Amino acid sequence: MVIVEEGFVYEKETHLTVMKTSLFFAGDGFAVYDCNGQLVFRVDSYGPDARDAGELVLMDPNGRCLLTVRRKRPSLHQRWEGFLGERWEGQKPIFSVRRSSIIGKSNMTVELFGDRTEEYLIEGQFGHRNCTIYDSAKETMAEIRRKVDASTNVMLGKDVFLLTLKPGFDGAFAMGLVLVLDQINGDDGDGDGDDGAVYPDPTTDCDLSS
């Protein structure tokens, strides 16, 4: 189903490698590659001031804005909204993300708006790169997992991980959810940081042994 853009809806299960492009500040930026090492998405921000603004833009390899995610203020608990393209004043969001409950911080509810309303659930711990995105029928739509380098059998650091898309699930939408999860994870004080794992070239394979 197309949520953001048809070109990122794949007919087959697709494995993308997501890596943070800066380790100085949480959520500084991302680069996302396919199995051939081709850039699919990028996110650029410039230090803590940009992050504190509570707005991130997902772009294609050429810098075209696909999706804007923005923290909704005020809200009792962290709630984020997604907008098609570059957000403009008065634009209505196409989806929102919120905590499923006050206590269960690991679960998020995603509400899709528009002609076809739908709800998704994110379960797991993004800080450990172990999340699953389900649709309302509890079918798996996407997964976030740690990545293992196929040639060395070494687990990569948490700043390099796999985003697996099931057939028909919009990859740009999924990556927008990753951006929200990363921001919420950073705000919770569960910063990703360097966990002592090594960082081989993340674009050379799509090994799924993780």
N, C-alpha and C. Protein backbone atom coordinates (compact mmCIF):
# COMPACT_ATOMS: atom_id res chain seq x y z
N MET A 1 0.84 -1.20 0.00
CA MET A 1 0.00 0.00 0.00
C MET A 1 0.87 1.25 0.00
N VAL A 2 0.56 2.18 -0.87
CA VAL A 2 1.33 3.42 -0.96
C VAL A 2 0.87 4.38 0.14
N ILE A 3 1.82 4.80 0.97
CA ILE A 3 1.53 5.78 2.02
C ILE A 3 2.28 7.08 1.74
N VAL A 4 3.55 6.96 1.37
CA VAL A 4 4.36 8.14 1.05
C VAL A 4 4.62 8.23 -0.45
N GLU A 5 5.20 7.18 -1.03
CA GLU A 5 5.51 7.22 -2.46
C GLU A 5 5.60 5.80 -3.02
N GLU A 6 5.02 5.63 -4.21
CA GLU A 6 4.93 4.30 -4.82
C GLU A 6 6.29 3.68 -5.11
N GLY A 7 7.28 4.51 -5.43
CA GLY A 7 8.60 4.00 -5.78
C GLY A 7 9.32 3.29 -4.65
N PHE A 8 8.83 3.44 -3.42
CA PHE A 8 9.45 2.79 -2.27
C PHE A 8 8.60 1.65 -1.72
N VAL A 9 7.63 1.21 -2.53
CA VAL A 9 6.84 0.03 -2.20
C VAL A 9 7.37 -1.12 -3.03
N TYR A 10 7.97 -2.11 -2.39
CA TYR A 10 8.66 -3.19 -3.10
C TYR A 10 7.81 -4.45 -3.17
N GLU A 11 7.91 -5.16 -4.31
CA GLU A 11 7.13 -6.37 -4.52
C GLU A 11 7.68 -7.54 -3.72
N LYS A 12 8.98 -7.53 -3.45
CA LYS A 12 9.61 -8.60 -2.70
C LYS A 12 10.09 -8.09 -1.34
N GLU A 13 10.32 -9.02 -0.42
CA GLU A 13 10.90 -8.63 0.87
C GLU A 13 12.23 -7.93 0.62
N THR A 14 12.42 -6.78 1.25
CA THR A 14 13.58 -5.93 0.98
C THR A 14 14.31 -5.63 2.28
N HIS A 15 15.64 -5.70 2.21
CA HIS A 15 16.47 -5.47 3.39
C HIS A 15 17.32 -4.21 3.16
N LEU A 16 17.12 -3.22 4.00
CA LEU A 16 17.86 -1.97 3.92
C LEU A 16 18.81 -1.86 5.11
N THR A 17 19.99 -1.31 4.84
CA THR A 17 20.96 -1.05 5.91
C THR A 17 20.86 0.42 6.31
N VAL A 18 20.57 0.66 7.57
CA VAL A 18 20.42 2.02 8.09
C VAL A 18 21.64 2.33 8.95
N MET A 19 22.26 3.48 8.71
CA MET A 19 23.41 3.86 9.53
C MET A 19 23.35 5.33 9.89
N LYS A 20 23.73 5.63 11.12
CA LYS A 20 23.83 7.02 11.53
C LYS A 20 25.04 7.65 10.87
N THR A 21 24.87 8.86 10.38
CA THR A 21 25.95 9.51 9.65
C THR A 21 26.80 10.40 10.53
N SER A 22 26.39 10.58 11.77
CA SER A 22 27.21 11.32 12.74
C SER A 22 26.95 10.73 14.10
N LEU A 23 27.99 10.62 14.91
CA LEU A 23 27.85 10.05 16.25
C LEU A 23 28.02 11.10 17.35
N PHE A 24 28.05 12.37 16.95
CA PHE A 24 28.27 13.42 17.95
C PHE A 24 27.03 13.70 18.77
N PHE A 25 25.85 13.67 18.12
CA PHE A 25 24.60 13.93 18.80
C PHE A 25 23.61 12.85 18.42
N ALA A 26 22.72 12.49 19.35
CA ALA A 26 21.70 11.48 19.04
C ALA A 26 20.82 11.96 17.89
N GLY A 27 20.62 11.11 16.89
CA GLY A 27 19.73 11.46 15.79
C GLY A 27 20.29 12.49 14.84
N ASP A 28 21.61 12.64 14.76
CA ASP A 28 22.19 13.65 13.88
C ASP A 28 21.77 13.49 12.43
N GLY A 29 21.80 12.27 11.93
CA GLY A 29 21.45 12.05 10.54
C GLY A 29 21.53 10.57 10.22
N PHE A 30 20.99 10.20 9.06
CA PHE A 30 20.99 8.81 8.65
C PHE A 30 21.29 8.70 7.16
N ALA A 31 21.87 7.58 6.79
CA ALA A 31 21.98 7.18 5.40
C ALA A 31 21.47 5.75 5.31
N VAL A 32 20.64 5.47 4.30
CA VAL A 32 20.01 4.16 4.16
C VAL A 32 20.38 3.59 2.80
N TYR A 33 20.88 2.35 2.80
CA TYR A 33 21.38 1.71 1.57
C TYR A 33 20.63 0.42 1.29
N ASP A 34 20.55 0.08 0.00
CA ASP A 34 19.98 -1.22 -0.37
C ASP A 34 21.08 -2.27 -0.40
N CYS A 35 20.75 -3.48 -0.86
CA CYS A 35 21.71 -4.58 -0.84
C CYS A 35 22.88 -4.37 -1.80
N ASN A 36 22.71 -3.48 -2.76
CA ASN A 36 23.77 -3.20 -3.72
C ASN A 36 24.64 -2.02 -3.31
N GLY A 37 24.40 -1.48 -2.12
CA GLY A 37 25.17 -0.34 -1.65
C GLY A 37 24.72 0.98 -2.23
N GLN A 38 23.53 1.01 -2.86
CA GLN A 38 22.99 2.24 -3.42
C GLN A 38 22.21 3.01 -2.35
N LEU A 39 22.44 4.32 -2.29
CA LEU A 39 21.73 5.16 -1.32
C LEU A 39 20.25 5.20 -1.67
N VAL A 40 19.39 4.96 -0.69
CA VAL A 40 17.94 4.97 -0.87
C VAL A 40 17.32 6.20 -0.21
N PHE A 41 17.70 6.45 1.05
CA PHE A 41 17.20 7.60 1.81
C PHE A 41 18.36 8.28 2.52
N ARG A 42 18.15 9.56 2.84
CA ARG A 42 19.10 10.24 3.71
C ARG A 42 18.36 11.25 4.58
N VAL A 43 18.95 11.49 5.74
CA VAL A 43 18.41 12.48 6.68
C VAL A 43 19.58 13.29 7.17
N ASP A 44 19.52 14.59 6.99
CA ASP A 44 20.59 15.48 7.42
C ASP A 44 20.06 16.43 8.49
N SER A 45 20.77 16.50 9.61
CA SER A 45 20.50 17.54 10.60
C SER A 45 21.84 18.02 11.12
N TYR A 46 21.83 19.10 11.82
CA TYR A 46 23.09 19.78 12.12
C TYR A 46 23.22 20.09 13.59
N GLY A 47 23.39 19.03 14.38
CA GLY A 47 23.66 19.23 15.79
C GLY A 47 22.42 19.33 16.65
N PRO A 48 22.59 19.62 17.93
CA PRO A 48 21.48 19.57 18.88
C PRO A 48 20.42 20.64 18.65
N ASP A 49 20.79 21.78 18.07
CA ASP A 49 19.79 22.83 17.85
C ASP A 49 18.73 22.36 16.87
N ALA A 50 19.17 21.70 15.77
CA ALA A 50 18.21 21.20 14.79
C ALA A 50 17.33 20.12 15.40
N ARG A 51 17.94 19.25 16.19
CA ARG A 51 17.19 18.17 16.81
C ARG A 51 16.16 18.71 17.78
N ASP A 52 16.52 19.72 18.58
CA ASP A 52 15.60 20.27 19.56
C ASP A 52 14.40 20.94 18.90
N ALA A 53 14.53 21.29 17.64
CA ALA A 53 13.39 21.89 16.95
C ALA A 53 12.27 20.88 16.77
N GLY A 54 12.57 19.59 16.95
CA GLY A 54 11.54 18.57 16.89
C GLY A 54 11.00 18.32 15.51
N GLU A 55 11.83 18.48 14.49
CA GLU A 55 11.38 18.26 13.12
C GLU A 55 12.51 17.68 12.29
N LEU A 56 12.24 16.58 11.59
CA LEU A 56 13.23 15.93 10.74
C LEU A 56 12.63 15.69 9.36
N VAL A 57 13.49 15.73 8.35
CA VAL A 57 13.05 15.56 6.97
C VAL A 57 13.72 14.34 6.36
N LEU A 58 12.91 13.44 5.82
CA LEU A 58 13.41 12.28 5.09
C LEU A 58 13.51 12.63 3.62
N MET A 59 14.68 12.40 3.03
CA MET A 59 14.91 12.77 1.63
C MET A 59 15.31 11.56 0.80
N ASP A 60 15.14 11.66 -0.51
CA ASP A 60 15.66 10.64 -1.41
C ASP A 60 17.13 10.93 -1.67
N PRO A 61 17.85 10.11 -2.45
CA PRO A 61 19.28 10.33 -2.66
C PRO A 61 19.63 11.69 -3.27
N ASN A 62 18.67 12.29 -3.97
CA ASN A 62 18.92 13.58 -4.62
C ASN A 62 18.55 14.78 -3.76
N GLY A 63 18.13 14.52 -2.54
CA GLY A 63 17.77 15.62 -1.64
C GLY A 63 16.34 16.07 -1.75
N ARG A 64 15.49 15.33 -2.48
CA ARG A 64 14.07 15.69 -2.58
C ARG A 64 13.36 15.25 -1.31
N CYS A 65 12.59 16.16 -0.74
CA CYS A 65 11.90 15.89 0.51
C CYS A 65 10.72 14.94 0.28
N LEU A 66 10.74 13.83 1.00
CA LEU A 66 9.67 12.84 0.89
C LEU A 66 8.68 12.94 2.03
N LEU A 67 9.20 13.20 3.22
CA LEU A 67 8.37 13.12 4.42
C LEU A 67 8.99 13.98 5.51
N THR A 68 8.15 14.68 6.26
CA THR A 68 8.58 15.44 7.43
C THR A 68 7.93 14.85 8.66
N VAL A 69 8.74 14.53 9.68
CA VAL A 69 8.17 14.09 10.96
C VAL A 69 8.42 15.19 11.98
N ARG A 70 7.42 15.43 12.79
CA ARG A 70 7.45 16.59 13.69
C ARG A 70 6.83 16.22 15.03
N ARG A 71 7.49 16.61 16.09
CA ARG A 71 6.94 16.37 17.42
C ARG A 71 5.77 17.31 17.66
N LYS A 72 4.67 16.74 18.12
CA LYS A 72 3.48 17.54 18.38
C LYS A 72 3.57 18.15 19.77
N ARG A 73 3.39 19.43 19.86
CA ARG A 73 3.41 20.12 21.14
C ARG A 73 2.16 20.99 21.25
N PRO A 74 1.56 21.11 22.43
CA PRO A 74 1.90 20.31 23.61
C PRO A 74 1.21 18.96 23.56
N SER A 75 1.75 17.97 24.23
CA SER A 75 1.09 16.68 24.39
C SER A 75 1.56 16.07 25.70
N LEU A 76 0.67 15.31 26.33
CA LEU A 76 0.98 14.74 27.63
C LEU A 76 2.16 13.77 27.53
N HIS A 77 2.15 12.96 26.49
CA HIS A 77 3.24 12.03 26.24
C HIS A 77 3.74 12.27 24.83
N GLN A 78 4.92 11.79 24.55
CA GLN A 78 5.51 12.06 23.25
C GLN A 78 4.59 11.59 22.12
N ARG A 79 4.25 12.52 21.26
CA ARG A 79 3.42 12.22 20.10
C ARG A 79 4.04 12.91 18.89
N TRP A 80 4.25 12.17 17.84
CA TRP A 80 4.85 12.69 16.62
C TRP A 80 3.87 12.56 15.47
N GLU A 81 4.02 13.47 14.49
CA GLU A 81 3.16 13.44 13.31
C GLU A 81 4.02 13.43 12.05
N GLY A 82 3.49 12.81 11.00
CA GLY A 82 4.19 12.76 9.72
C GLY A 82 3.42 13.50 8.64
N PHE A 83 4.15 14.26 7.81
CA PHE A 83 3.55 15.07 6.75
C PHE A 83 4.22 14.74 5.41
N LEU A 84 3.43 14.66 4.37
CA LEU A 84 3.99 14.42 3.05
C LEU A 84 4.85 15.58 2.60
N GLY A 85 6.02 15.27 2.06
CA GLY A 85 6.89 16.31 1.53
C GLY A 85 7.43 17.22 2.62
N GLU A 86 7.70 18.45 2.25
CA GLU A 86 8.18 19.45 3.21
C GLU A 86 6.99 20.13 3.86
N ARG A 87 6.89 20.00 5.16
CA ARG A 87 5.69 20.47 5.87
C ARG A 87 5.47 21.96 5.69
N TRP A 88 4.19 22.34 5.50
CA TRP A 88 3.84 23.75 5.43
C TRP A 88 2.75 24.03 6.46
N GLU A 89 2.65 25.29 6.85
CA GLU A 89 1.73 25.71 7.90
C GLU A 89 0.30 25.35 7.52
N GLY A 90 -0.40 24.68 8.42
CA GLY A 90 -1.78 24.31 8.18
C GLY A 90 -1.96 22.96 7.50
N GLN A 91 -0.86 22.33 7.11
CA GLN A 91 -0.94 21.03 6.46
C GLN A 91 -1.40 19.97 7.45
N LYS A 92 -2.25 19.05 6.99
CA LYS A 92 -2.73 17.99 7.84
C LYS A 92 -1.76 16.81 7.80
N PRO A 93 -1.51 16.17 8.94
CA PRO A 93 -0.60 15.02 8.95
C PRO A 93 -1.23 13.81 8.29
N ILE A 94 -0.38 12.90 7.79
CA ILE A 94 -0.88 11.66 7.22
C ILE A 94 -0.82 10.52 8.24
N PHE A 95 -0.03 10.71 9.31
CA PHE A 95 -0.02 9.72 10.38
C PHE A 95 0.46 10.35 11.66
N SER A 96 0.20 9.66 12.78
CA SER A 96 0.72 10.08 14.08
C SER A 96 1.25 8.86 14.81
N VAL A 97 2.22 9.09 15.70
CA VAL A 97 2.82 8.03 16.50
C VAL A 97 2.73 8.45 17.96
N ARG A 98 2.26 7.54 18.80
CA ARG A 98 2.16 7.85 20.23
C ARG A 98 2.45 6.58 21.03
N ARG A 99 2.78 6.78 22.29
CA ARG A 99 2.97 5.64 23.18
C ARG A 99 1.64 4.90 23.34
N SER A 100 1.72 3.58 23.39
CA SER A 100 0.50 2.80 23.54
C SER A 100 -0.09 2.93 24.93
N SER A 101 0.74 3.18 25.94
CA SER A 101 0.26 3.37 27.30
C SER A 101 1.31 4.16 28.07
N ILE A 102 0.94 4.64 29.24
CA ILE A 102 1.86 5.40 30.06
C ILE A 102 3.02 4.51 30.52
N ILE A 103 2.70 3.27 30.86
CA ILE A 103 3.71 2.37 31.42
C ILE A 103 4.52 1.69 30.32
N GLY A 104 3.85 1.19 29.29
CA GLY A 104 4.54 0.39 28.28
C GLY A 104 5.26 1.22 27.25
N LYS A 105 6.38 1.78 27.64
CA LYS A 105 7.08 2.71 26.76
C LYS A 105 7.66 2.04 25.52
N SER A 106 7.78 0.70 25.55
CA SER A 106 8.38 0.02 24.41
C SER A 106 7.41 -0.14 23.26
N ASN A 107 6.11 0.05 23.50
CA ASN A 107 5.11 -0.12 22.45
C ASN A 107 4.60 1.23 21.97
N MET A 108 4.44 1.35 20.66
CA MET A 108 3.94 2.58 20.05
C MET A 108 2.75 2.26 19.16
N THR A 109 1.79 3.15 19.13
CA THR A 109 0.65 3.02 18.23
C THR A 109 0.78 4.05 17.12
N VAL A 110 0.60 3.60 15.89
CA VAL A 110 0.69 4.46 14.71
C VAL A 110 -0.69 4.55 14.08
N GLU A 111 -1.22 5.74 13.94
CA GLU A 111 -2.51 5.97 13.31
C GLU A 111 -2.30 6.59 11.93
N LEU A 112 -2.84 5.95 10.92
CA LEU A 112 -2.75 6.44 9.55
C LEU A 112 -4.05 7.16 9.21
N PHE A 113 -3.93 8.39 8.69
CA PHE A 113 -5.11 9.20 8.39
C PHE A 113 -5.38 9.23 6.88
N GLY A 114 -6.43 9.94 6.50
CA GLY A 114 -6.73 10.12 5.08
C GLY A 114 -7.92 9.29 4.66
N ASP A 115 -7.95 8.95 3.35
CA ASP A 115 -9.08 8.21 2.80
C ASP A 115 -9.24 6.84 3.44
N ARG A 116 -8.11 6.26 3.84
CA ARG A 116 -8.14 4.92 4.42
C ARG A 116 -7.43 4.95 5.77
N THR A 117 -8.22 5.03 6.84
CA THR A 117 -7.62 5.04 8.16
C THR A 117 -7.16 3.64 8.53
N GLU A 118 -6.03 3.56 9.18
CA GLU A 118 -5.47 2.27 9.57
C GLU A 118 -4.60 2.48 10.79
N GLU A 119 -4.39 1.40 11.53
CA GLU A 119 -3.59 1.49 12.73
C GLU A 119 -2.49 0.43 12.70
N TYR A 120 -1.30 0.82 13.12
CA TYR A 120 -0.16 -0.08 13.22
C TYR A 120 0.34 -0.07 14.66
N LEU A 121 1.03 -1.14 15.03
CA LEU A 121 1.60 -1.25 16.36
C LEU A 121 3.08 -1.56 16.23
N ILE A 122 3.90 -0.84 17.01
CA ILE A 122 5.34 -1.10 17.05
C ILE A 122 5.66 -1.70 18.41
N GLU A 123 6.20 -2.91 18.40
CA GLU A 123 6.55 -3.60 19.64
C GLU A 123 8.05 -3.87 19.68
N GLY A 124 8.62 -3.82 20.87
CA GLY A 124 10.04 -4.12 21.02
C GLY A 124 10.81 -2.95 21.62
N GLN A 125 12.11 -3.05 21.56
CA GLN A 125 12.99 -2.03 22.13
C GLN A 125 13.89 -1.48 21.03
N PHE A 126 13.59 -0.26 20.58
CA PHE A 126 14.42 0.33 19.53
C PHE A 126 15.86 0.54 20.00
N GLY A 127 16.03 0.84 21.28
CA GLY A 127 17.37 1.05 21.81
C GLY A 127 18.27 -0.15 21.63
N HIS A 128 17.66 -1.34 21.57
CA HIS A 128 18.41 -2.57 21.34
C HIS A 128 18.31 -3.02 19.88
N ARG A 129 17.69 -2.19 19.05
CA ARG A 129 17.48 -2.52 17.63
C ARG A 129 16.74 -3.85 17.50
N ASN A 130 15.62 -3.91 18.19
CA ASN A 130 14.82 -5.13 18.19
C ASN A 130 13.35 -4.72 18.22
N CYS A 131 12.80 -4.37 17.06
CA CYS A 131 11.42 -3.88 16.95
C CYS A 131 10.71 -4.57 15.79
N THR A 132 9.40 -4.70 15.93
CA THR A 132 8.57 -5.21 14.85
C THR A 132 7.39 -4.27 14.66
N ILE A 133 7.07 -3.97 13.41
CA ILE A 133 5.91 -3.15 13.07
C ILE A 133 4.82 -4.07 12.55
N TYR A 134 3.66 -4.06 13.22
CA TYR A 134 2.53 -4.90 12.84
C TYR A 134 1.39 -4.05 12.30
N ASP A 135 0.57 -4.66 11.42
CA ASP A 135 -0.66 -3.99 11.02
C ASP A 135 -1.76 -4.36 12.01
N SER A 136 -2.98 -3.90 11.73
CA SER A 136 -4.08 -4.12 12.68
C SER A 136 -4.46 -5.59 12.81
N ALA A 137 -4.09 -6.40 11.81
CA ALA A 137 -4.37 -7.84 11.85
C ALA A 137 -3.22 -8.61 12.50
N LYS A 138 -2.25 -7.89 13.06
CA LYS A 138 -1.07 -8.46 13.72
C LYS A 138 -0.15 -9.18 12.73
N GLU A 139 -0.20 -8.74 11.45
CA GLU A 139 0.73 -9.24 10.45
C GLU A 139 1.99 -8.38 10.47
N THR A 140 3.15 -9.01 10.39
CA THR A 140 4.41 -8.27 10.39
C THR A 140 4.58 -7.49 9.10
N MET A 141 4.84 -6.19 9.22
CA MET A 141 5.05 -5.33 8.07
C MET A 141 6.51 -4.95 7.88
N ALA A 142 7.23 -4.80 8.99
CA ALA A 142 8.65 -4.43 8.93
C ALA A 142 9.32 -4.84 10.24
N GLU A 143 10.64 -5.03 10.19
CA GLU A 143 11.40 -5.39 11.37
C GLU A 143 12.69 -4.58 11.43
N ILE A 144 13.10 -4.24 12.64
CA ILE A 144 14.38 -3.57 12.90
C ILE A 144 15.23 -4.52 13.72
N ARG A 145 16.40 -4.86 13.21
CA ARG A 145 17.25 -5.84 13.89
C ARG A 145 18.72 -5.43 13.82
N ARG A 146 19.52 -5.94 14.76
CA ARG A 146 20.96 -5.77 14.68
C ARG A 146 21.49 -6.46 13.43
N LYS A 147 22.61 -5.98 12.92
CA LYS A 147 23.19 -6.55 11.71
C LYS A 147 24.51 -7.24 12.02
N VAL A 148 24.73 -8.37 11.36
CA VAL A 148 25.96 -9.13 11.49
C VAL A 148 26.70 -9.10 10.16
N ASP A 149 27.98 -8.78 10.19
CA ASP A 149 28.80 -8.78 8.98
C ASP A 149 29.00 -10.22 8.52
N ALA A 150 28.62 -10.51 7.27
CA ALA A 150 28.65 -11.88 6.78
C ALA A 150 30.07 -12.44 6.69
N SER A 151 31.03 -11.60 6.35
CA SER A 151 32.39 -12.09 6.12
C SER A 151 33.14 -12.39 7.42
N THR A 152 32.80 -11.68 8.49
CA THR A 152 33.53 -11.85 9.76
C THR A 152 32.68 -12.45 10.86
N ASN A 153 31.35 -12.51 10.62
CA ASN A 153 30.40 -12.98 11.63
C ASN A 153 30.46 -12.12 12.89
N VAL A 154 30.77 -10.84 12.72
CA VAL A 154 30.85 -9.89 13.82
C VAL A 154 29.61 -9.00 13.80
N MET A 155 29.00 -8.83 14.96
CA MET A 155 27.83 -7.96 15.04
C MET A 155 28.26 -6.50 14.95
N LEU A 156 27.57 -5.76 14.12
CA LEU A 156 27.87 -4.34 13.98
C LEU A 156 27.34 -3.55 15.17
N GLY A 157 27.86 -2.35 15.37
CA GLY A 157 27.38 -1.48 16.43
C GLY A 157 25.94 -1.07 16.19
N LYS A 158 25.30 -0.54 17.22
CA LYS A 158 23.87 -0.21 17.12
C LYS A 158 23.59 0.96 16.18
N ASP A 159 24.62 1.66 15.74
CA ASP A 159 24.41 2.74 14.79
C ASP A 159 24.37 2.24 13.35
N VAL A 160 24.46 0.92 13.16
CA VAL A 160 24.28 0.30 11.86
C VAL A 160 23.34 -0.88 12.08
N PHE A 161 22.16 -0.86 11.42
CA PHE A 161 21.19 -1.92 11.67
C PHE A 161 20.36 -2.18 10.41
N LEU A 162 19.59 -3.26 10.46
CA LEU A 162 18.78 -3.67 9.32
C LEU A 162 17.33 -3.22 9.48
N LEU A 163 16.75 -2.73 8.39
CA LEU A 163 15.32 -2.47 8.30
C LEU A 163 14.77 -3.40 7.22
N THR A 164 14.02 -4.41 7.63
CA THR A 164 13.46 -5.39 6.70
C THR A 164 12.02 -5.03 6.41
N LEU A 165 11.70 -4.89 5.12
CA LEU A 165 10.36 -4.51 4.67
C LEU A 165 9.67 -5.72 4.06
N LYS A 166 8.47 -5.99 4.51
CA LYS A 166 7.69 -7.05 3.89
C LYS A 166 7.11 -6.55 2.57
N PRO A 167 6.80 -7.46 1.63
CA PRO A 167 6.28 -7.03 0.32
C PRO A 167 5.05 -6.13 0.46
N GLY A 168 5.08 -5.01 -0.26
CA GLY A 168 3.94 -4.11 -0.28
C GLY A 168 3.92 -3.04 0.78
N PHE A 169 4.91 -3.06 1.71
CA PHE A 169 4.93 -2.05 2.77
C PHE A 169 5.82 -0.89 2.35
N ASP A 170 5.32 0.32 2.48
CA ASP A 170 6.00 1.53 2.00
C ASP A 170 7.29 1.77 2.80
N GLY A 171 8.44 1.68 2.13
CA GLY A 171 9.72 1.85 2.79
C GLY A 171 9.95 3.25 3.33
N ALA A 172 9.45 4.27 2.64
CA ALA A 172 9.60 5.65 3.12
C ALA A 172 8.80 5.85 4.41
N PHE A 173 7.62 5.27 4.47
CA PHE A 173 6.81 5.33 5.69
C PHE A 173 7.53 4.62 6.83
N ALA A 174 8.08 3.43 6.55
CA ALA A 174 8.81 2.68 7.57
C ALA A 174 9.99 3.48 8.09
N MET A 175 10.73 4.13 7.19
CA MET A 175 11.89 4.90 7.62
C MET A 175 11.46 6.13 8.42
N GLY A 176 10.31 6.69 8.10
CA GLY A 176 9.78 7.78 8.92
C GLY A 176 9.52 7.33 10.34
N LEU A 177 9.03 6.10 10.51
CA LEU A 177 8.80 5.56 11.84
C LEU A 177 10.12 5.34 12.57
N VAL A 178 11.16 4.93 11.83
CA VAL A 178 12.49 4.78 12.44
C VAL A 178 12.98 6.12 13.00
N LEU A 179 12.77 7.20 12.26
CA LEU A 179 13.19 8.52 12.73
C LEU A 179 12.49 8.88 14.03
N VAL A 180 11.19 8.61 14.11
CA VAL A 180 10.44 8.91 15.32
C VAL A 180 10.96 8.07 16.48
N LEU A 181 11.16 6.77 16.25
CA LEU A 181 11.66 5.90 17.31
C LEU A 181 13.02 6.35 17.81
N ASP A 182 13.87 6.79 16.90
CA ASP A 182 15.20 7.25 17.29
C ASP A 182 15.12 8.49 18.18
N GLN A 183 14.22 9.41 17.83
CA GLN A 183 14.07 10.62 18.63
C GLN A 183 13.50 10.30 20.01
N ILE A 184 12.48 9.45 20.07
CA ILE A 184 11.88 9.08 21.35
C ILE A 184 12.90 8.34 22.21
N ASN A 185 13.67 7.45 21.60
CA ASN A 185 14.69 6.71 22.33
C ASN A 185 15.73 7.64 22.93
N GLY A 186 16.14 8.66 22.17
CA GLY A 186 17.10 9.63 22.68
C GLY A 186 16.54 10.46 23.80
N ASP A 187 15.26 10.85 23.68
CA ASP A 187 14.62 11.65 24.72
C ASP A 187 14.44 10.86 26.01
N ASP A 188 14.31 9.55 25.89
CA ASP A 188 14.14 8.72 27.08
C ASP A 188 15.44 8.55 27.85
N GLY A 189 16.54 9.05 27.27
CA GLY A 189 17.82 8.91 27.94
C GLY A 189 18.49 7.58 27.68
N ASP A 190 17.91 6.79 26.76
CA ASP A 190 18.51 5.51 26.42
C ASP A 190 19.36 5.67 25.17
N GLY A 191 20.31 6.58 25.22
CA GLY A 191 21.11 6.88 24.05
C GLY A 191 21.77 5.65 23.48
N ASP A 192 21.96 5.65 22.15
CA ASP A 192 22.48 4.47 21.49
C ASP A 192 23.95 4.28 21.81
N GLY A 193 24.74 5.31 21.51
CA GLY A 193 26.16 5.28 21.84
C GLY A 193 26.90 4.13 21.21
N ASP A 194 28.18 4.02 21.55
CA ASP A 194 29.03 2.96 21.05
C ASP A 194 29.04 1.84 22.07
N ASP A 195 28.56 0.65 21.66
CA ASP A 195 28.47 -0.47 22.59
C ASP A 195 29.66 -1.39 22.50
N GLY A 196 30.75 -0.95 21.87
CA GLY A 196 31.95 -1.75 21.80
C GLY A 196 32.03 -2.63 20.58
N ALA A 197 30.97 -2.69 19.78
CA ALA A 197 31.01 -3.50 18.57
C ALA A 197 31.77 -2.76 17.48
N VAL A 198 32.26 -3.52 16.51
CA VAL A 198 33.03 -2.90 15.43
C VAL A 198 32.11 -2.49 14.31
N TYR A 199 32.64 -1.69 13.38
CA TYR A 199 31.83 -1.11 12.33
C TYR A 199 32.44 -1.37 10.95
N PRO A 200 32.33 -2.59 10.40
CA PRO A 200 32.75 -2.81 9.02
C PRO A 200 31.84 -2.05 8.06
N ASP A 201 32.19 -2.08 6.77
CA ASP A 201 31.40 -1.39 5.76
C ASP A 201 30.00 -1.98 5.76
N PRO A 202 28.94 -1.17 6.07
CA PRO A 202 27.60 -1.71 6.20
C PRO A 202 26.89 -1.93 4.87
N THR A 203 27.46 -1.50 3.77
CA THR A 203 26.74 -1.51 2.50
C THR A 203 27.12 -2.68 1.61
N THR A 204 27.94 -3.59 2.09
CA THR A 204 28.48 -4.62 1.20
C THR A 204 27.62 -5.86 1.11
N ASP A 205 26.67 -6.05 2.01
CA ASP A 205 25.82 -7.25 1.94
C ASP A 205 24.56 -7.00 2.72
N CYS A 206 23.64 -7.97 2.62
CA CYS A 206 22.40 -7.92 3.38
C CYS A 206 22.26 -9.18 4.19
N ASP A 207 23.30 -9.54 4.87
CA ASP A 207 23.28 -10.75 5.70
C ASP A 207 22.21 -10.65 6.77
N LEU A 208 21.45 -11.71 6.95
CA LEU A 208 20.33 -11.68 7.89
C LEU A 208 20.56 -12.60 9.07
N SER A 209 21.80 -12.95 9.32
CA SER A 209 22.05 -13.86 10.43
C SER A 209 21.82 -13.22 11.78
N SER A 210 21.61 -11.88 11.78
CA SER A 210 21.26 -11.22 13.03
C SER A 210 19.80 -11.44 13.36
